[in-house]
Amino acid sequence: MIHPLTDVQSINIGEGTKVWQFCVILKNAVIGKNCNINCHVFIENDVVIGDNVTIKPGVQIWDGLRIENNVFIGPNVTFTNDLVPRSKIYPDRFETTTIENGASIGANATIIAGVRIGANALVGAGAVITKDVPPYTVWYGNPAIQKGYITKKNVLLDLELKDKQGNQYHILNEIPDIND
């Protein structure tokens, strides 16, 4: 479903993907199946988005972004793609930022160009991500720092691998495999 009040130039949009009103998607963007692109989203050309991705309103997906499957991007998340932006001066190549499978980014977070957000990581609302985020970790703050872990079953753990009830969890073969 592509809402009639959009400007979708790309033909590379997977089956079952919904694009809501007032979106702009440039011609070379690639978007997977069963995605939900909410209203007021802008997607540039050199962008690849996997399957089952949700992008909430007010997000701009700039050249160089790679978003894998089952990713959640909250409202008004801000991505950058140029570490030294100048008016009318463009780099030969924009930085590549990768959001790995299952990662979630909370509302109003800012993601600095060139980072990798690991599989199933959780970035909290308003966080400013300035470096890579390992898989299965929880980050928030400005600048964001690691505040804990998250299991495959979405149980939040503190830095000592304990849940809110005090149950102890163990990491198998180091992160990303958390035994829960």
N, C-alpha and C. Protein backbone atom coordinates (compact mmCIF):
# COMPACT_ATOMS: atom_id res chain seq x y z
N MET A 1 0.83 -1.17 0.00
CA MET A 1 0.00 0.00 0.00
C MET A 1 0.88 1.23 0.00
N ILE A 2 0.75 2.05 -1.02
CA ILE A 2 1.44 3.33 -1.09
C ILE A 2 0.38 4.41 -1.12
N HIS A 3 0.37 5.24 -0.12
CA HIS A 3 -0.64 6.29 0.01
C HIS A 3 -0.52 7.24 -1.19
N PRO A 4 -1.64 7.71 -1.72
CA PRO A 4 -1.59 8.60 -2.89
C PRO A 4 -0.92 9.95 -2.62
N LEU A 5 -0.78 10.35 -1.38
CA LEU A 5 -0.15 11.63 -1.07
C LEU A 5 1.34 11.45 -0.73
N THR A 6 2.02 10.60 -1.51
CA THR A 6 3.46 10.40 -1.34
C THR A 6 4.16 10.70 -2.65
N ASP A 7 5.49 10.82 -2.58
CA ASP A 7 6.32 10.94 -3.78
C ASP A 7 7.29 9.76 -3.74
N VAL A 8 6.86 8.63 -4.30
CA VAL A 8 7.67 7.42 -4.30
C VAL A 8 8.21 7.22 -5.71
N GLN A 9 9.52 7.42 -5.85
CA GLN A 9 10.17 7.29 -7.15
C GLN A 9 10.78 5.91 -7.34
N SER A 10 11.01 5.18 -6.28
CA SER A 10 11.64 3.86 -6.35
C SER A 10 10.64 2.79 -6.74
N ILE A 11 11.10 1.85 -7.55
CA ILE A 11 10.29 0.67 -7.86
C ILE A 11 10.78 -0.53 -7.05
N ASN A 12 11.80 -0.31 -6.22
CA ASN A 12 12.42 -1.38 -5.43
C ASN A 12 11.82 -1.45 -4.03
N ILE A 13 10.52 -1.67 -3.97
CA ILE A 13 9.80 -1.75 -2.70
C ILE A 13 9.13 -3.11 -2.61
N GLY A 14 9.44 -3.84 -1.55
CA GLY A 14 8.95 -5.20 -1.40
C GLY A 14 7.46 -5.32 -1.14
N GLU A 15 6.97 -6.51 -1.41
CA GLU A 15 5.56 -6.83 -1.23
C GLU A 15 5.13 -6.64 0.23
N GLY A 16 3.96 -6.08 0.40
CA GLY A 16 3.40 -5.91 1.73
C GLY A 16 3.89 -4.68 2.47
N THR A 17 4.81 -3.92 1.89
CA THR A 17 5.31 -2.71 2.54
C THR A 17 4.27 -1.60 2.42
N LYS A 18 4.06 -0.88 3.51
CA LYS A 18 3.13 0.24 3.55
C LYS A 18 3.92 1.54 3.64
N VAL A 19 3.56 2.49 2.77
CA VAL A 19 4.16 3.82 2.78
C VAL A 19 3.03 4.81 3.00
N TRP A 20 3.09 5.54 4.11
CA TRP A 20 2.01 6.44 4.49
C TRP A 20 2.19 7.82 3.85
N GLN A 21 1.23 8.70 4.08
CA GLN A 21 1.19 10.00 3.42
C GLN A 21 2.40 10.88 3.75
N PHE A 22 2.70 11.76 2.79
CA PHE A 22 3.73 12.78 2.90
C PHE A 22 5.14 12.22 3.03
N CYS A 23 5.38 11.06 2.44
CA CYS A 23 6.73 10.47 2.38
C CYS A 23 7.36 10.79 1.03
N VAL A 24 8.69 10.85 1.01
CA VAL A 24 9.45 10.97 -0.23
C VAL A 24 10.48 9.85 -0.23
N ILE A 25 10.46 9.04 -1.29
CA ILE A 25 11.42 7.94 -1.43
C ILE A 25 12.06 8.09 -2.81
N LEU A 26 13.37 8.34 -2.82
CA LEU A 26 14.08 8.58 -4.07
C LEU A 26 14.28 7.28 -4.86
N LYS A 27 14.60 7.43 -6.16
CA LYS A 27 14.50 6.33 -7.13
C LYS A 27 15.42 5.14 -6.88
N ASN A 28 16.58 5.31 -6.28
CA ASN A 28 17.50 4.18 -6.10
C ASN A 28 17.39 3.49 -4.75
N ALA A 29 16.50 3.96 -3.89
CA ALA A 29 16.33 3.33 -2.58
C ALA A 29 15.77 1.92 -2.75
N VAL A 30 16.22 1.02 -1.87
CA VAL A 30 15.74 -0.36 -1.87
C VAL A 30 15.10 -0.62 -0.51
N ILE A 31 13.84 -1.04 -0.54
CA ILE A 31 13.09 -1.28 0.69
C ILE A 31 12.50 -2.69 0.62
N GLY A 32 12.67 -3.47 1.68
CA GLY A 32 12.23 -4.85 1.71
C GLY A 32 10.74 -5.04 1.87
N LYS A 33 10.38 -6.29 2.19
CA LYS A 33 8.99 -6.69 2.34
C LYS A 33 8.45 -6.37 3.74
N ASN A 34 7.14 -6.17 3.79
CA ASN A 34 6.40 -6.01 5.04
C ASN A 34 6.94 -4.90 5.95
N CYS A 35 7.44 -3.84 5.35
CA CYS A 35 7.90 -2.69 6.13
C CYS A 35 6.73 -1.74 6.37
N ASN A 36 6.88 -0.90 7.38
CA ASN A 36 5.89 0.14 7.66
C ASN A 36 6.63 1.47 7.71
N ILE A 37 6.48 2.25 6.64
CA ILE A 37 7.13 3.56 6.54
C ILE A 37 6.05 4.59 6.87
N ASN A 38 6.11 5.14 8.07
CA ASN A 38 5.08 6.07 8.54
C ASN A 38 5.16 7.41 7.82
N CYS A 39 4.21 8.28 8.10
CA CYS A 39 4.12 9.57 7.43
C CYS A 39 5.35 10.44 7.72
N HIS A 40 5.61 11.37 6.80
CA HIS A 40 6.69 12.35 6.95
C HIS A 40 8.07 11.70 7.08
N VAL A 41 8.34 10.70 6.24
CA VAL A 41 9.65 10.05 6.19
C VAL A 41 10.28 10.36 4.84
N PHE A 42 11.57 10.69 4.85
CA PHE A 42 12.33 10.95 3.63
C PHE A 42 13.42 9.90 3.51
N ILE A 43 13.52 9.25 2.34
CA ILE A 43 14.51 8.20 2.11
C ILE A 43 15.30 8.55 0.85
N GLU A 44 16.64 8.71 1.01
CA GLU A 44 17.49 9.08 -0.12
C GLU A 44 17.80 7.87 -1.01
N ASN A 45 18.70 8.06 -1.98
CA ASN A 45 19.01 7.07 -3.01
C ASN A 45 19.85 5.89 -2.54
N ASP A 46 20.99 6.15 -1.91
CA ASP A 46 21.92 5.10 -1.53
C ASP A 46 21.54 4.54 -0.17
N VAL A 47 20.37 3.90 -0.14
CA VAL A 47 19.79 3.37 1.09
C VAL A 47 19.30 1.96 0.81
N VAL A 48 19.58 1.05 1.75
CA VAL A 48 19.04 -0.31 1.68
C VAL A 48 18.35 -0.60 3.00
N ILE A 49 17.08 -0.96 2.92
CA ILE A 49 16.27 -1.29 4.09
C ILE A 49 15.78 -2.72 3.93
N GLY A 50 15.96 -3.54 4.97
CA GLY A 50 15.57 -4.95 4.92
C GLY A 50 14.08 -5.15 5.09
N ASP A 51 13.71 -6.38 5.44
CA ASP A 51 12.32 -6.77 5.62
C ASP A 51 11.84 -6.48 7.05
N ASN A 52 10.53 -6.27 7.19
CA ASN A 52 9.87 -6.12 8.50
C ASN A 52 10.42 -4.95 9.32
N VAL A 53 10.79 -3.87 8.66
CA VAL A 53 11.33 -2.69 9.33
C VAL A 53 10.19 -1.70 9.57
N THR A 54 10.19 -1.09 10.75
CA THR A 54 9.24 -0.03 11.07
C THR A 54 10.01 1.27 11.21
N ILE A 55 9.58 2.28 10.46
CA ILE A 55 10.17 3.62 10.56
C ILE A 55 9.03 4.57 10.92
N LYS A 56 9.11 5.13 12.11
CA LYS A 56 8.07 6.02 12.61
C LYS A 56 8.18 7.42 11.99
N PRO A 57 7.19 8.29 12.21
CA PRO A 57 7.17 9.61 11.56
C PRO A 57 8.37 10.49 11.89
N GLY A 58 8.70 11.36 10.92
CA GLY A 58 9.70 12.38 11.13
C GLY A 58 11.14 11.92 11.01
N VAL A 59 11.38 10.83 10.29
CA VAL A 59 12.74 10.29 10.17
C VAL A 59 13.24 10.52 8.75
N GLN A 60 14.52 10.90 8.64
CA GLN A 60 15.17 11.02 7.34
C GLN A 60 16.25 9.95 7.26
N ILE A 61 16.19 9.16 6.19
CA ILE A 61 17.15 8.08 5.98
C ILE A 61 18.08 8.54 4.85
N TRP A 62 19.29 8.95 5.21
CA TRP A 62 20.22 9.56 4.27
C TRP A 62 21.07 8.53 3.53
N ASP A 63 21.69 8.98 2.42
CA ASP A 63 22.62 8.13 1.67
C ASP A 63 23.62 7.48 2.62
N GLY A 64 23.89 6.21 2.40
CA GLY A 64 24.86 5.48 3.20
C GLY A 64 24.26 4.65 4.31
N LEU A 65 22.95 4.74 4.53
CA LEU A 65 22.34 3.95 5.60
C LEU A 65 22.02 2.55 5.12
N ARG A 66 22.33 1.57 5.95
CA ARG A 66 22.01 0.17 5.71
C ARG A 66 21.24 -0.31 6.93
N ILE A 67 19.99 -0.64 6.71
CA ILE A 67 19.10 -1.06 7.80
C ILE A 67 18.71 -2.50 7.52
N GLU A 68 19.10 -3.41 8.41
CA GLU A 68 18.82 -4.82 8.19
C GLU A 68 17.39 -5.17 8.60
N ASN A 69 17.06 -6.44 8.72
CA ASN A 69 15.70 -6.91 8.97
C ASN A 69 15.24 -6.68 10.41
N ASN A 70 13.92 -6.53 10.57
CA ASN A 70 13.26 -6.48 11.88
C ASN A 70 13.76 -5.34 12.77
N VAL A 71 14.10 -4.22 12.16
CA VAL A 71 14.59 -3.05 12.90
C VAL A 71 13.43 -2.12 13.18
N PHE A 72 13.46 -1.48 14.37
CA PHE A 72 12.48 -0.46 14.75
C PHE A 72 13.22 0.87 14.87
N ILE A 73 12.72 1.88 14.17
CA ILE A 73 13.27 3.23 14.26
C ILE A 73 12.15 4.14 14.74
N GLY A 74 12.32 4.67 15.94
CA GLY A 74 11.28 5.47 16.58
C GLY A 74 11.11 6.84 15.95
N PRO A 75 10.06 7.56 16.38
CA PRO A 75 9.76 8.87 15.80
C PRO A 75 10.91 9.86 16.00
N ASN A 76 11.17 10.62 14.93
CA ASN A 76 12.13 11.71 14.94
C ASN A 76 13.57 11.29 15.26
N VAL A 77 13.90 10.02 15.01
CA VAL A 77 15.30 9.62 15.10
C VAL A 77 16.07 10.40 14.04
N THR A 78 17.26 10.88 14.39
CA THR A 78 18.08 11.66 13.47
C THR A 78 19.35 10.89 13.13
N PHE A 79 19.54 10.66 11.83
CA PHE A 79 20.76 10.04 11.32
C PHE A 79 21.60 11.12 10.67
N THR A 80 22.93 10.95 10.69
CA THR A 80 23.82 11.82 9.95
C THR A 80 24.62 10.95 8.99
N ASN A 81 25.21 11.56 7.95
CA ASN A 81 26.02 10.76 7.03
C ASN A 81 27.30 11.47 6.61
N ASP A 82 27.59 12.60 7.20
CA ASP A 82 28.78 13.37 6.85
C ASP A 82 29.38 13.91 8.15
N LEU A 83 30.62 13.51 8.45
CA LEU A 83 31.25 13.91 9.71
C LEU A 83 31.77 15.36 9.68
N VAL A 84 31.90 15.93 8.47
CA VAL A 84 32.35 17.32 8.34
C VAL A 84 31.43 18.03 7.35
N PRO A 85 30.18 18.25 7.72
CA PRO A 85 29.24 18.85 6.77
C PRO A 85 29.55 20.33 6.51
N ARG A 86 29.46 20.69 5.23
CA ARG A 86 29.64 22.07 4.80
C ARG A 86 28.63 22.34 3.69
N SER A 87 28.12 23.54 3.64
CA SER A 87 27.16 23.88 2.61
C SER A 87 27.80 23.81 1.24
N LYS A 88 27.17 23.07 0.33
CA LYS A 88 27.57 22.93 -1.07
C LYS A 88 28.93 22.25 -1.27
N ILE A 89 29.46 21.59 -0.23
CA ILE A 89 30.69 20.81 -0.35
C ILE A 89 30.33 19.38 0.06
N TYR A 90 30.49 18.46 -0.89
CA TYR A 90 30.04 17.09 -0.66
C TYR A 90 31.22 16.13 -0.66
N PRO A 91 31.19 15.14 0.21
CA PRO A 91 32.28 14.15 0.21
C PRO A 91 32.19 13.27 -1.04
N ASP A 92 33.29 12.63 -1.38
CA ASP A 92 33.27 11.68 -2.51
C ASP A 92 32.32 10.53 -2.22
N ARG A 93 32.24 10.17 -0.96
CA ARG A 93 31.39 9.07 -0.53
C ARG A 93 30.89 9.38 0.87
N PHE A 94 29.60 9.16 1.09
CA PHE A 94 29.05 9.38 2.43
C PHE A 94 29.41 8.20 3.33
N GLU A 95 29.49 8.47 4.61
CA GLU A 95 29.78 7.43 5.60
C GLU A 95 28.68 6.35 5.55
N THR A 96 29.06 5.10 5.82
CA THR A 96 28.09 4.02 5.90
C THR A 96 27.74 3.78 7.36
N THR A 97 26.47 3.82 7.65
CA THR A 97 25.95 3.51 8.98
C THR A 97 25.09 2.27 8.85
N THR A 98 25.31 1.29 9.73
CA THR A 98 24.59 0.03 9.65
C THR A 98 23.80 -0.21 10.93
N ILE A 99 22.53 -0.53 10.75
CA ILE A 99 21.66 -0.92 11.86
C ILE A 99 21.37 -2.40 11.65
N GLU A 100 21.90 -3.25 12.52
CA GLU A 100 21.81 -4.70 12.32
C GLU A 100 20.45 -5.27 12.73
N ASN A 101 20.24 -6.51 12.33
CA ASN A 101 18.98 -7.23 12.55
C ASN A 101 18.45 -7.07 13.98
N GLY A 102 17.17 -6.71 14.06
CA GLY A 102 16.46 -6.69 15.33
C GLY A 102 16.76 -5.52 16.25
N ALA A 103 17.62 -4.60 15.85
CA ALA A 103 17.94 -3.46 16.71
C ALA A 103 16.74 -2.52 16.80
N SER A 104 16.64 -1.79 17.91
CA SER A 104 15.59 -0.79 18.11
C SER A 104 16.22 0.52 18.54
N ILE A 105 15.73 1.61 17.95
CA ILE A 105 16.23 2.94 18.27
C ILE A 105 15.05 3.78 18.74
N GLY A 106 15.14 4.31 19.96
CA GLY A 106 14.05 5.07 20.55
C GLY A 106 13.90 6.47 19.99
N ALA A 107 12.76 7.07 20.26
CA ALA A 107 12.40 8.40 19.76
C ALA A 107 13.48 9.43 20.04
N ASN A 108 13.71 10.28 19.05
CA ASN A 108 14.61 11.43 19.16
C ASN A 108 16.08 11.09 19.39
N ALA A 109 16.46 9.83 19.20
CA ALA A 109 17.89 9.49 19.30
C ALA A 109 18.61 10.09 18.10
N THR A 110 19.89 10.38 18.27
CA THR A 110 20.74 10.88 17.20
C THR A 110 21.85 9.87 16.96
N ILE A 111 22.03 9.48 15.70
CA ILE A 111 23.01 8.47 15.33
C ILE A 111 24.06 9.15 14.45
N ILE A 112 25.29 9.24 14.94
CA ILE A 112 26.37 9.89 14.21
C ILE A 112 26.85 8.98 13.08
N ALA A 113 27.23 9.58 11.96
CA ALA A 113 27.63 8.86 10.75
C ALA A 113 28.74 7.84 11.02
N GLY A 114 28.62 6.69 10.34
CA GLY A 114 29.67 5.70 10.34
C GLY A 114 29.64 4.67 11.45
N VAL A 115 28.64 4.72 12.31
CA VAL A 115 28.59 3.73 13.40
C VAL A 115 27.83 2.48 12.97
N ARG A 116 27.99 1.45 13.75
CA ARG A 116 27.27 0.19 13.59
C ARG A 116 26.51 -0.06 14.88
N ILE A 117 25.19 -0.25 14.74
CA ILE A 117 24.37 -0.62 15.90
C ILE A 117 24.11 -2.11 15.77
N GLY A 118 24.60 -2.87 16.73
CA GLY A 118 24.61 -4.32 16.66
C GLY A 118 23.23 -4.96 16.74
N ALA A 119 23.20 -6.22 16.38
CA ALA A 119 21.96 -7.00 16.35
C ALA A 119 21.26 -6.96 17.71
N ASN A 120 19.97 -6.71 17.66
CA ASN A 120 19.09 -6.72 18.83
C ASN A 120 19.47 -5.71 19.91
N ALA A 121 20.36 -4.78 19.61
CA ALA A 121 20.70 -3.73 20.57
C ALA A 121 19.49 -2.82 20.77
N LEU A 122 19.49 -2.12 21.89
CA LEU A 122 18.42 -1.18 22.22
C LEU A 122 19.04 0.16 22.53
N VAL A 123 18.69 1.17 21.72
CA VAL A 123 19.14 2.54 21.92
C VAL A 123 17.95 3.31 22.50
N GLY A 124 18.13 3.90 23.67
CA GLY A 124 17.04 4.58 24.35
C GLY A 124 16.66 5.90 23.73
N ALA A 125 15.48 6.37 24.05
CA ALA A 125 14.97 7.64 23.54
C ALA A 125 15.93 8.77 23.92
N GLY A 126 16.22 9.63 22.94
CA GLY A 126 17.05 10.79 23.18
C GLY A 126 18.54 10.53 23.24
N ALA A 127 18.96 9.29 23.08
CA ALA A 127 20.39 8.96 23.15
C ALA A 127 21.14 9.59 21.98
N VAL A 128 22.41 9.90 22.22
CA VAL A 128 23.28 10.39 21.16
C VAL A 128 24.38 9.34 20.99
N ILE A 129 24.30 8.61 19.89
CA ILE A 129 25.23 7.50 19.63
C ILE A 129 26.42 8.04 18.83
N THR A 130 27.62 7.97 19.43
CA THR A 130 28.83 8.49 18.81
C THR A 130 29.84 7.41 18.46
N LYS A 131 29.53 6.16 18.83
CA LYS A 131 30.43 5.05 18.54
C LYS A 131 29.62 3.78 18.36
N ASP A 132 30.27 2.71 17.91
CA ASP A 132 29.58 1.44 17.67
C ASP A 132 28.89 0.94 18.93
N VAL A 133 27.74 0.31 18.73
CA VAL A 133 26.95 -0.29 19.81
C VAL A 133 26.99 -1.81 19.61
N PRO A 134 27.56 -2.55 20.55
CA PRO A 134 27.64 -4.00 20.39
C PRO A 134 26.25 -4.66 20.42
N PRO A 135 26.14 -5.85 19.83
CA PRO A 135 24.88 -6.58 19.85
C PRO A 135 24.40 -6.84 21.28
N TYR A 136 23.09 -6.87 21.45
CA TYR A 136 22.44 -7.22 22.72
C TYR A 136 22.81 -6.29 23.88
N THR A 137 23.14 -5.04 23.57
CA THR A 137 23.44 -4.09 24.63
C THR A 137 22.39 -2.98 24.64
N VAL A 138 22.29 -2.29 25.78
CA VAL A 138 21.34 -1.20 25.97
C VAL A 138 22.14 0.07 26.21
N TRP A 139 21.81 1.13 25.45
CA TRP A 139 22.53 2.39 25.53
C TRP A 139 21.55 3.55 25.66
N TYR A 140 21.89 4.53 26.51
CA TYR A 140 21.14 5.78 26.54
C TYR A 140 21.99 6.87 27.17
N GLY A 141 21.53 8.11 27.01
CA GLY A 141 22.24 9.27 27.53
C GLY A 141 22.87 10.09 26.42
N ASN A 142 23.51 11.22 26.82
CA ASN A 142 24.16 12.12 25.88
C ASN A 142 25.51 12.55 26.45
N PRO A 143 26.60 12.04 25.90
CA PRO A 143 26.65 10.98 24.89
C PRO A 143 26.21 9.66 25.51
N ALA A 144 25.70 8.79 24.66
CA ALA A 144 25.17 7.52 25.16
C ALA A 144 26.30 6.65 25.69
N ILE A 145 25.99 5.94 26.77
CA ILE A 145 26.90 4.94 27.32
C ILE A 145 26.10 3.66 27.55
N GLN A 146 26.82 2.56 27.62
CA GLN A 146 26.15 1.29 27.84
C GLN A 146 25.60 1.25 29.26
N LYS A 147 24.31 0.91 29.36
CA LYS A 147 23.64 0.83 30.65
C LYS A 147 23.23 -0.59 31.01
N GLY A 148 23.37 -1.53 30.07
CA GLY A 148 22.98 -2.90 30.37
C GLY A 148 22.99 -3.76 29.12
N TYR A 149 22.20 -4.83 29.22
CA TYR A 149 22.08 -5.81 28.15
C TYR A 149 20.61 -6.10 27.92
N ILE A 150 20.31 -6.74 26.79
CA ILE A 150 18.96 -7.20 26.51
C ILE A 150 19.06 -8.61 25.94
N THR A 151 18.22 -9.51 26.43
CA THR A 151 18.28 -10.90 26.00
C THR A 151 17.49 -11.12 24.71
N LYS A 152 17.62 -12.31 24.16
CA LYS A 152 16.85 -12.66 22.96
C LYS A 152 15.36 -12.62 23.22
N LYS A 153 14.96 -12.78 24.48
CA LYS A 153 13.54 -12.71 24.84
C LYS A 153 13.15 -11.32 25.35
N ASN A 154 14.00 -10.32 25.09
CA ASN A 154 13.74 -8.92 25.42
C ASN A 154 13.66 -8.64 26.91
N VAL A 155 14.42 -9.38 27.70
CA VAL A 155 14.53 -9.09 29.13
C VAL A 155 15.68 -8.11 29.31
N LEU A 156 15.39 -6.99 29.96
CA LEU A 156 16.43 -6.00 30.22
C LEU A 156 17.28 -6.43 31.41
N LEU A 157 18.59 -6.34 31.26
CA LEU A 157 19.54 -6.70 32.30
C LEU A 157 20.43 -5.50 32.61
N ASP A 158 20.88 -5.42 33.86
CA ASP A 158 21.82 -4.36 34.20
C ASP A 158 23.23 -4.78 33.78
N LEU A 159 24.22 -3.98 34.11
CA LEU A 159 25.59 -4.28 33.71
C LEU A 159 26.16 -5.51 34.40
N GLU A 160 25.51 -5.95 35.47
CA GLU A 160 25.93 -7.18 36.18
C GLU A 160 25.14 -8.39 35.70
N LEU A 161 24.39 -8.22 34.61
CA LEU A 161 23.58 -9.28 33.99
C LEU A 161 22.46 -9.76 34.90
N LYS A 162 21.86 -8.84 35.67
CA LYS A 162 20.72 -9.17 36.52
C LYS A 162 19.49 -8.46 35.99
N ASP A 163 18.32 -9.16 36.06
CA ASP A 163 17.07 -8.52 35.67
C ASP A 163 16.51 -7.74 36.86
N LYS A 164 15.34 -7.13 36.69
CA LYS A 164 14.77 -6.29 37.75
C LYS A 164 14.41 -7.07 39.01
N GLN A 165 14.22 -8.39 38.87
CA GLN A 165 13.91 -9.22 40.02
C GLN A 165 15.17 -9.76 40.69
N GLY A 166 16.33 -9.43 40.16
CA GLY A 166 17.59 -9.87 40.74
C GLY A 166 18.08 -11.21 40.22
N ASN A 167 17.38 -11.78 39.24
CA ASN A 167 17.83 -13.05 38.66
C ASN A 167 19.11 -12.84 37.87
N GLN A 168 20.08 -13.72 38.06
CA GLN A 168 21.37 -13.61 37.38
C GLN A 168 21.33 -14.35 36.05
N TYR A 169 21.82 -13.72 34.99
CA TYR A 169 21.93 -14.32 33.67
C TYR A 169 23.41 -14.52 33.36
N HIS A 170 23.69 -15.35 32.36
CA HIS A 170 25.07 -15.65 32.00
C HIS A 170 25.26 -15.47 30.51
N ILE A 171 26.42 -14.96 30.15
CA ILE A 171 26.76 -14.81 28.73
C ILE A 171 27.48 -16.08 28.29
N LEU A 172 27.00 -16.66 27.18
CA LEU A 172 27.65 -17.83 26.61
C LEU A 172 28.46 -17.38 25.41
N ASN A 173 29.70 -17.79 25.34
CA ASN A 173 30.58 -17.45 24.21
C ASN A 173 30.63 -15.95 23.97
N GLU A 174 30.57 -15.19 25.01
CA GLU A 174 30.57 -13.73 24.95
C GLU A 174 29.36 -13.22 24.17
N ILE A 175 29.19 -11.93 24.15
CA ILE A 175 28.07 -11.32 23.45
C ILE A 175 28.27 -11.60 21.97
N PRO A 176 27.24 -11.92 21.19
CA PRO A 176 25.85 -11.60 21.40
C PRO A 176 25.01 -12.69 22.03
N ASP A 177 25.57 -13.84 22.38
CA ASP A 177 24.72 -14.93 22.88
C ASP A 177 24.51 -14.81 24.38
N ILE A 178 23.32 -14.39 24.75
CA ILE A 178 22.99 -14.29 26.17
C ILE A 178 22.06 -15.43 26.51
N ASN A 179 22.43 -16.18 27.51
CA ASN A 179 21.62 -17.34 27.93
C ASN A 179 20.53 -16.84 28.88
N ASP A 180 19.30 -17.05 28.46
CA ASP A 180 18.20 -16.67 29.36
C ASP A 180 17.24 -17.81 29.38
